Amino acid sequence: RVQLMQSEGDSVQAGGALRLSCVVSGGTFSRAALGWFRQTPGKEREGVAAIGVDGTTNYKDSVKGRFTITRDNTNNTLYLQMNGLKPEDTAMYYCAADEREIYNDYAWSLQKSRYIFWGQGTQVTVSS
């Protein structure tokens, strides 16, 4: 059974940085497409960043140049480095994984329907 365990979140001031991590167990990590999503109360969960099996990355426009997604296939860990944080980045962040091969995967990589397995969520709060 695939399980995703996320690091704890934190509260930071605007302009600060934070790194989230997500350890994936129970599957074949190197074969999994991976993503980070976030959600605020009353809103849909939205894709923030994704990384494919071949390392190809995709980002939500509002985080490009500030967030970096990476994967460590040796330690089965997914990361999201967040720099230049803004109050509007405040949300519950979720990691996601899926080993299915999807046609035109890049186009789907920031869609929540692309992923089967999810982490428990981590709160990130950015104060102004």
N, C-alpha and C. Protein backbone atom coordinates (compact mmCIF):
# COMPACT_ATOMS: atom_id res chain seq x y z
N ARG A 1 0.84 -1.18 0.00
CA ARG A 1 0.00 0.00 0.00
C ARG A 1 0.88 1.24 0.00
N VAL A 2 0.63 2.13 -0.93
CA VAL A 2 1.44 3.34 -1.03
C VAL A 2 1.04 4.33 0.05
N GLN A 3 2.03 4.88 0.73
CA GLN A 3 1.78 5.88 1.75
C GLN A 3 2.70 7.07 1.54
N LEU A 4 2.17 8.27 1.76
CA LEU A 4 2.92 9.50 1.62
C LEU A 4 2.91 10.21 2.97
N MET A 5 4.09 10.46 3.49
CA MET A 5 4.22 11.10 4.80
C MET A 5 4.92 12.45 4.62
N GLN A 6 4.19 13.52 4.94
CA GLN A 6 4.71 14.87 4.76
C GLN A 6 5.37 15.41 6.03
N SER A 7 6.30 16.31 5.81
CA SER A 7 6.92 17.01 6.92
C SER A 7 5.92 17.99 7.51
N GLU A 8 6.23 18.48 8.69
CA GLU A 8 5.36 19.45 9.33
C GLU A 8 5.47 20.80 8.62
N GLY A 9 4.39 21.57 8.68
CA GLY A 9 4.40 22.89 8.10
C GLY A 9 4.97 23.91 9.06
N ASP A 10 4.80 25.16 8.69
CA ASP A 10 5.36 26.19 9.53
C ASP A 10 4.69 27.52 9.20
N SER A 11 4.99 28.50 10.04
CA SER A 11 4.55 29.86 9.78
C SER A 11 5.77 30.71 9.52
N VAL A 12 5.72 31.50 8.45
CA VAL A 12 6.84 32.36 8.11
C VAL A 12 6.33 33.73 7.72
N GLN A 13 7.23 34.68 7.73
CA GLN A 13 6.86 36.02 7.28
C GLN A 13 7.03 36.13 5.77
N ALA A 14 6.32 37.06 5.21
CA ALA A 14 6.41 37.30 3.77
C ALA A 14 7.87 37.53 3.38
N GLY A 15 8.23 36.92 2.26
CA GLY A 15 9.61 37.01 1.80
C GLY A 15 10.48 35.87 2.30
N GLY A 16 9.97 35.11 3.23
CA GLY A 16 10.73 34.00 3.79
C GLY A 16 10.71 32.77 2.92
N ALA A 17 11.37 31.72 3.42
CA ALA A 17 11.50 30.48 2.67
C ALA A 17 11.12 29.29 3.55
N LEU A 18 10.71 28.24 2.87
CA LEU A 18 10.32 27.02 3.57
C LEU A 18 10.52 25.85 2.62
N ARG A 19 10.93 24.72 3.14
CA ARG A 19 11.03 23.51 2.32
C ARG A 19 10.11 22.43 2.87
N LEU A 20 9.26 21.92 2.03
CA LEU A 20 8.39 20.81 2.39
C LEU A 20 8.99 19.51 1.85
N SER A 21 8.79 18.44 2.57
CA SER A 21 9.24 17.14 2.09
C SER A 21 8.12 16.12 2.21
N CYS A 22 8.24 15.07 1.43
CA CYS A 22 7.20 14.03 1.38
C CYS A 22 7.89 12.70 1.10
N VAL A 23 7.84 11.80 2.06
CA VAL A 23 8.46 10.49 1.89
C VAL A 23 7.40 9.49 1.40
N VAL A 24 7.71 8.81 0.32
CA VAL A 24 6.77 7.88 -0.29
C VAL A 24 7.22 6.45 -0.03
N SER A 25 6.34 5.63 0.46
CA SER A 25 6.68 4.23 0.73
C SER A 25 5.61 3.32 0.15
N GLY A 26 5.99 2.07 -0.10
CA GLY A 26 5.03 1.06 -0.54
C GLY A 26 4.89 0.93 -2.03
N GLY A 27 5.57 1.75 -2.80
CA GLY A 27 5.48 1.66 -4.25
C GLY A 27 6.86 1.73 -4.87
N THR A 28 6.92 1.96 -6.16
CA THR A 28 8.19 2.14 -6.85
C THR A 28 8.36 3.62 -7.13
N PHE A 29 9.06 4.28 -6.26
CA PHE A 29 9.15 5.75 -6.28
C PHE A 29 9.64 6.26 -7.62
N SER A 30 10.65 5.61 -8.18
CA SER A 30 11.26 6.10 -9.41
C SER A 30 10.30 6.06 -10.59
N ARG A 31 9.24 5.28 -10.50
CA ARG A 31 8.24 5.18 -11.58
C ARG A 31 7.05 6.11 -11.39
N ALA A 32 7.05 6.87 -10.31
CA ALA A 32 5.87 7.67 -9.97
C ALA A 32 5.98 9.10 -10.45
N ALA A 33 4.90 9.58 -11.05
CA ALA A 33 4.74 11.02 -11.26
C ALA A 33 4.36 11.62 -9.92
N LEU A 34 4.89 12.79 -9.62
CA LEU A 34 4.72 13.38 -8.29
C LEU A 34 4.27 14.83 -8.40
N GLY A 35 3.53 15.27 -7.41
CA GLY A 35 3.08 16.65 -7.45
C GLY A 35 2.86 17.24 -6.07
N TRP A 36 2.80 18.54 -6.05
CA TRP A 36 2.41 19.30 -4.85
C TRP A 36 1.16 20.11 -5.18
N PHE A 37 0.21 20.07 -4.28
CA PHE A 37 -1.05 20.79 -4.43
C PHE A 37 -1.28 21.61 -3.17
N ARG A 38 -2.20 22.56 -3.27
CA ARG A 38 -2.56 23.33 -2.09
C ARG A 38 -4.04 23.65 -2.12
N GLN A 39 -4.56 23.89 -0.93
CA GLN A 39 -5.99 24.15 -0.80
C GLN A 39 -6.25 25.10 0.34
N THR A 40 -7.14 26.06 0.10
CA THR A 40 -7.62 26.97 1.14
C THR A 40 -9.11 26.71 1.35
N PRO A 41 -9.63 27.07 2.51
CA PRO A 41 -11.03 26.79 2.81
C PRO A 41 -11.98 27.34 1.75
N GLY A 42 -12.87 26.49 1.29
CA GLY A 42 -13.88 26.90 0.33
C GLY A 42 -13.42 26.91 -1.11
N LYS A 43 -12.18 26.53 -1.34
CA LYS A 43 -11.66 26.53 -2.69
C LYS A 43 -11.22 25.14 -3.12
N GLU A 44 -11.13 24.94 -4.44
CA GLU A 44 -10.67 23.67 -4.96
C GLU A 44 -9.18 23.49 -4.70
N ARG A 45 -8.78 22.23 -4.59
CA ARG A 45 -7.35 21.94 -4.48
C ARG A 45 -6.70 22.23 -5.83
N GLU A 46 -5.61 22.98 -5.80
CA GLU A 46 -4.96 23.39 -7.04
C GLU A 46 -3.53 22.87 -7.12
N GLY A 47 -3.11 22.57 -8.34
CA GLY A 47 -1.75 22.10 -8.56
C GLY A 47 -0.76 23.24 -8.47
N VAL A 48 0.31 23.01 -7.76
CA VAL A 48 1.35 24.02 -7.58
C VAL A 48 2.59 23.67 -8.39
N ALA A 49 3.02 22.41 -8.30
CA ALA A 49 4.23 21.98 -9.00
C ALA A 49 4.15 20.48 -9.20
N ALA A 50 4.76 20.02 -10.28
CA ALA A 50 4.77 18.59 -10.58
C ALA A 50 6.11 18.21 -11.19
N ILE A 51 6.47 16.94 -10.99
CA ILE A 51 7.71 16.44 -11.57
C ILE A 51 7.47 15.04 -12.09
N GLY A 52 7.88 14.81 -13.32
CA GLY A 52 7.64 13.51 -13.93
C GLY A 52 8.76 12.52 -13.64
N VAL A 53 8.57 11.32 -14.15
CA VAL A 53 9.55 10.27 -13.96
C VAL A 53 10.90 10.67 -14.55
N ASP A 54 10.87 11.43 -15.64
CA ASP A 54 12.10 11.84 -16.29
C ASP A 54 12.65 13.15 -15.77
N GLY A 55 12.02 13.69 -14.72
CA GLY A 55 12.49 14.93 -14.12
C GLY A 55 11.89 16.19 -14.70
N THR A 56 11.03 16.03 -15.70
CA THR A 56 10.37 17.21 -16.27
C THR A 56 9.48 17.86 -15.22
N THR A 57 9.57 19.18 -15.11
CA THR A 57 8.80 19.89 -14.10
C THR A 57 7.74 20.79 -14.73
N ASN A 58 6.74 21.09 -13.94
CA ASN A 58 5.65 21.96 -14.37
C ASN A 58 5.21 22.76 -13.15
N TYR A 59 4.92 24.05 -13.35
CA TYR A 59 4.59 24.92 -12.23
C TYR A 59 3.35 25.76 -12.54
N LYS A 60 2.61 26.02 -11.49
CA LYS A 60 1.55 27.02 -11.57
C LYS A 60 2.22 28.37 -11.82
N ASP A 61 1.59 29.18 -12.68
CA ASP A 61 2.22 30.44 -13.08
C ASP A 61 2.63 31.31 -11.90
N SER A 62 1.80 31.37 -10.88
CA SER A 62 2.05 32.30 -9.78
C SER A 62 3.24 31.90 -8.90
N VAL A 63 3.75 30.69 -9.07
CA VAL A 63 4.89 30.26 -8.24
C VAL A 63 6.17 30.11 -9.05
N LYS A 64 6.07 30.28 -10.36
CA LYS A 64 7.26 30.13 -11.20
C LYS A 64 8.34 31.13 -10.76
N GLY A 65 9.56 30.63 -10.66
CA GLY A 65 10.66 31.47 -10.23
C GLY A 65 10.80 31.58 -8.73
N ARG A 66 9.81 31.10 -7.99
CA ARG A 66 9.89 31.14 -6.52
C ARG A 66 9.93 29.74 -5.91
N PHE A 67 9.20 28.81 -6.50
CA PHE A 67 9.14 27.44 -5.98
C PHE A 67 9.94 26.50 -6.87
N THR A 68 10.54 25.49 -6.25
CA THR A 68 11.27 24.48 -6.99
C THR A 68 10.90 23.10 -6.47
N ILE A 69 10.47 22.23 -7.38
CA ILE A 69 10.15 20.86 -7.01
C ILE A 69 11.30 19.95 -7.42
N THR A 70 11.69 19.06 -6.52
CA THR A 70 12.75 18.10 -6.81
C THR A 70 12.36 16.75 -6.24
N ARG A 71 13.03 15.72 -6.76
CA ARG A 71 12.80 14.37 -6.26
C ARG A 71 14.12 13.68 -6.01
N ASP A 72 14.17 12.89 -4.96
CA ASP A 72 15.35 12.11 -4.61
C ASP A 72 14.96 10.64 -4.71
N ASN A 73 15.30 10.03 -5.82
CA ASN A 73 14.90 8.64 -6.05
C ASN A 73 15.65 7.65 -5.16
N THR A 74 16.76 8.09 -4.59
CA THR A 74 17.51 7.21 -3.68
C THR A 74 16.80 7.09 -2.33
N ASN A 75 16.26 8.20 -1.86
CA ASN A 75 15.62 8.23 -0.55
C ASN A 75 14.09 8.30 -0.61
N ASN A 76 13.54 8.10 -1.84
CA ASN A 76 12.08 8.09 -2.01
C ASN A 76 11.41 9.34 -1.44
N THR A 77 12.03 10.49 -1.71
CA THR A 77 11.53 11.73 -1.10
C THR A 77 11.30 12.80 -2.17
N LEU A 78 10.18 13.46 -2.02
CA LEU A 78 9.81 14.59 -2.86
C LEU A 78 9.96 15.86 -2.05
N TYR A 79 10.45 16.93 -2.69
CA TYR A 79 10.64 18.20 -2.00
C TYR A 79 9.94 19.34 -2.74
N LEU A 80 9.61 20.36 -1.97
CA LEU A 80 9.16 21.62 -2.55
C LEU A 80 9.88 22.73 -1.80
N GLN A 81 10.80 23.37 -2.49
CA GLN A 81 11.49 24.53 -1.93
C GLN A 81 10.70 25.77 -2.30
N MET A 82 10.29 26.51 -1.29
CA MET A 82 9.47 27.70 -1.51
C MET A 82 10.23 28.92 -1.03
N ASN A 83 10.55 29.80 -1.95
CA ASN A 83 11.25 31.05 -1.63
C ASN A 83 10.35 32.23 -1.95
N GLY A 84 10.69 33.37 -1.38
CA GLY A 84 9.90 34.56 -1.65
C GLY A 84 8.42 34.37 -1.35
N LEU A 85 8.14 33.76 -0.22
CA LEU A 85 6.75 33.43 0.10
C LEU A 85 5.90 34.69 0.27
N LYS A 86 4.65 34.57 -0.15
CA LYS A 86 3.69 35.66 -0.08
C LYS A 86 2.49 35.22 0.76
N PRO A 87 1.76 36.16 1.34
CA PRO A 87 0.57 35.78 2.12
C PRO A 87 -0.40 34.92 1.32
N GLU A 88 -0.51 35.15 0.04
CA GLU A 88 -1.43 34.36 -0.79
C GLU A 88 -0.96 32.92 -0.99
N ASP A 89 0.23 32.59 -0.55
CA ASP A 89 0.70 31.20 -0.58
C ASP A 89 0.19 30.41 0.63
N THR A 90 -0.44 31.09 1.56
CA THR A 90 -0.97 30.42 2.75
C THR A 90 -2.02 29.40 2.34
N ALA A 91 -1.82 28.16 2.76
CA ALA A 91 -2.72 27.08 2.38
C ALA A 91 -2.30 25.79 3.06
N MET A 92 -3.14 24.78 2.93
CA MET A 92 -2.75 23.43 3.28
C MET A 92 -2.11 22.82 2.03
N TYR A 93 -0.92 22.31 2.18
CA TYR A 93 -0.19 21.75 1.05
C TYR A 93 -0.21 20.23 1.12
N TYR A 94 -0.42 19.61 -0.04
CA TYR A 94 -0.50 18.16 -0.14
C TYR A 94 0.47 17.65 -1.20
N CYS A 95 1.15 16.55 -0.92
CA CYS A 95 1.92 15.89 -1.95
C CYS A 95 1.06 14.77 -2.55
N ALA A 96 1.39 14.39 -3.77
CA ALA A 96 0.61 13.39 -4.47
C ALA A 96 1.53 12.53 -5.33
N ALA A 97 1.11 11.29 -5.56
CA ALA A 97 1.92 10.35 -6.34
C ALA A 97 1.03 9.41 -7.13
N ASP A 98 1.55 8.97 -8.26
CA ASP A 98 0.82 8.01 -9.09
C ASP A 98 1.79 7.34 -10.05
N GLU A 99 1.77 6.00 -10.13
CA GLU A 99 2.68 5.27 -11.01
C GLU A 99 2.09 5.00 -12.38
N ARG A 100 0.86 5.37 -12.62
CA ARG A 100 0.26 5.11 -13.93
C ARG A 100 0.93 5.96 -15.00
N GLU A 101 1.09 5.38 -16.16
CA GLU A 101 1.59 6.13 -17.30
C GLU A 101 0.40 6.76 -18.02
N ILE A 102 0.46 8.07 -18.19
CA ILE A 102 -0.65 8.81 -18.76
C ILE A 102 -0.21 9.45 -20.08
N TYR A 103 -1.04 9.30 -21.11
CA TYR A 103 -0.73 9.97 -22.37
C TYR A 103 -0.75 11.47 -22.16
N ASN A 104 0.23 12.15 -22.73
CA ASN A 104 0.35 13.61 -22.60
C ASN A 104 0.37 14.01 -21.13
N ASP A 105 1.20 13.31 -20.37
CA ASP A 105 1.23 13.46 -18.92
C ASP A 105 1.48 14.90 -18.50
N TYR A 106 2.34 15.61 -19.21
CA TYR A 106 2.68 16.99 -18.83
C TYR A 106 1.42 17.84 -18.73
N ALA A 107 0.51 17.67 -19.65
CA ALA A 107 -0.72 18.48 -19.67
C ALA A 107 -1.60 18.19 -18.47
N TRP A 108 -1.48 17.00 -17.92
CA TRP A 108 -2.33 16.60 -16.79
C TRP A 108 -1.63 16.76 -15.44
N SER A 109 -0.35 17.08 -15.45
CA SER A 109 0.45 16.95 -14.24
C SER A 109 0.02 17.85 -13.09
N LEU A 110 -0.68 18.93 -13.37
CA LEU A 110 -1.15 19.82 -12.30
C LEU A 110 -2.64 19.63 -12.01
N GLN A 111 -3.21 18.56 -12.53
CA GLN A 111 -4.62 18.25 -12.29
C GLN A 111 -4.73 17.24 -11.15
N LYS A 112 -5.56 17.50 -10.17
CA LYS A 112 -5.67 16.59 -9.02
C LYS A 112 -6.18 15.22 -9.43
N SER A 113 -6.94 15.15 -10.51
CA SER A 113 -7.47 13.86 -10.95
C SER A 113 -6.39 12.93 -11.49
N ARG A 114 -5.19 13.48 -11.75
CA ARG A 114 -4.11 12.66 -12.29
C ARG A 114 -3.54 11.73 -11.22
N TYR A 115 -3.75 12.05 -9.94
CA TYR A 115 -3.06 11.35 -8.85
C TYR A 115 -4.01 10.51 -8.00
N ILE A 116 -3.51 9.34 -7.60
CA ILE A 116 -4.31 8.45 -6.77
C ILE A 116 -3.96 8.59 -5.29
N PHE A 117 -2.66 8.73 -5.01
CA PHE A 117 -2.21 8.70 -3.62
C PHE A 117 -1.85 10.09 -3.13
N TRP A 118 -2.22 10.36 -1.89
CA TRP A 118 -2.07 11.69 -1.32
C TRP A 118 -1.46 11.65 0.06
N GLY A 119 -0.70 12.72 0.38
CA GLY A 119 -0.19 12.89 1.73
C GLY A 119 -1.27 13.45 2.64
N GLN A 120 -0.93 13.58 3.91
CA GLN A 120 -1.91 13.97 4.91
C GLN A 120 -2.15 15.48 4.97
N GLY A 121 -1.31 16.25 4.32
CA GLY A 121 -1.46 17.69 4.33
C GLY A 121 -0.58 18.36 5.35
N THR A 122 -0.10 19.55 5.00
CA THR A 122 0.78 20.34 5.85
C THR A 122 0.38 21.80 5.73
N GLN A 123 0.16 22.44 6.86
CA GLN A 123 -0.26 23.84 6.84
C GLN A 123 0.94 24.76 6.69
N VAL A 124 0.85 25.65 5.72
CA VAL A 124 1.85 26.70 5.54
C VAL A 124 1.13 28.04 5.70
N THR A 125 1.64 28.86 6.59
CA THR A 125 1.04 30.17 6.85
C THR A 125 2.09 31.25 6.63
N VAL A 126 1.76 32.21 5.78
CA VAL A 126 2.67 33.31 5.47
C VAL A 126 2.03 34.61 5.95
N SER A 127 2.68 35.29 6.84
CA SER A 127 2.14 36.53 7.39
C SER A 127 2.82 37.73 6.73
N SER A 128 2.04 38.79 6.62
CA SER A 128 2.56 40.01 5.96
C SER A 128 3.26 40.91 6.96
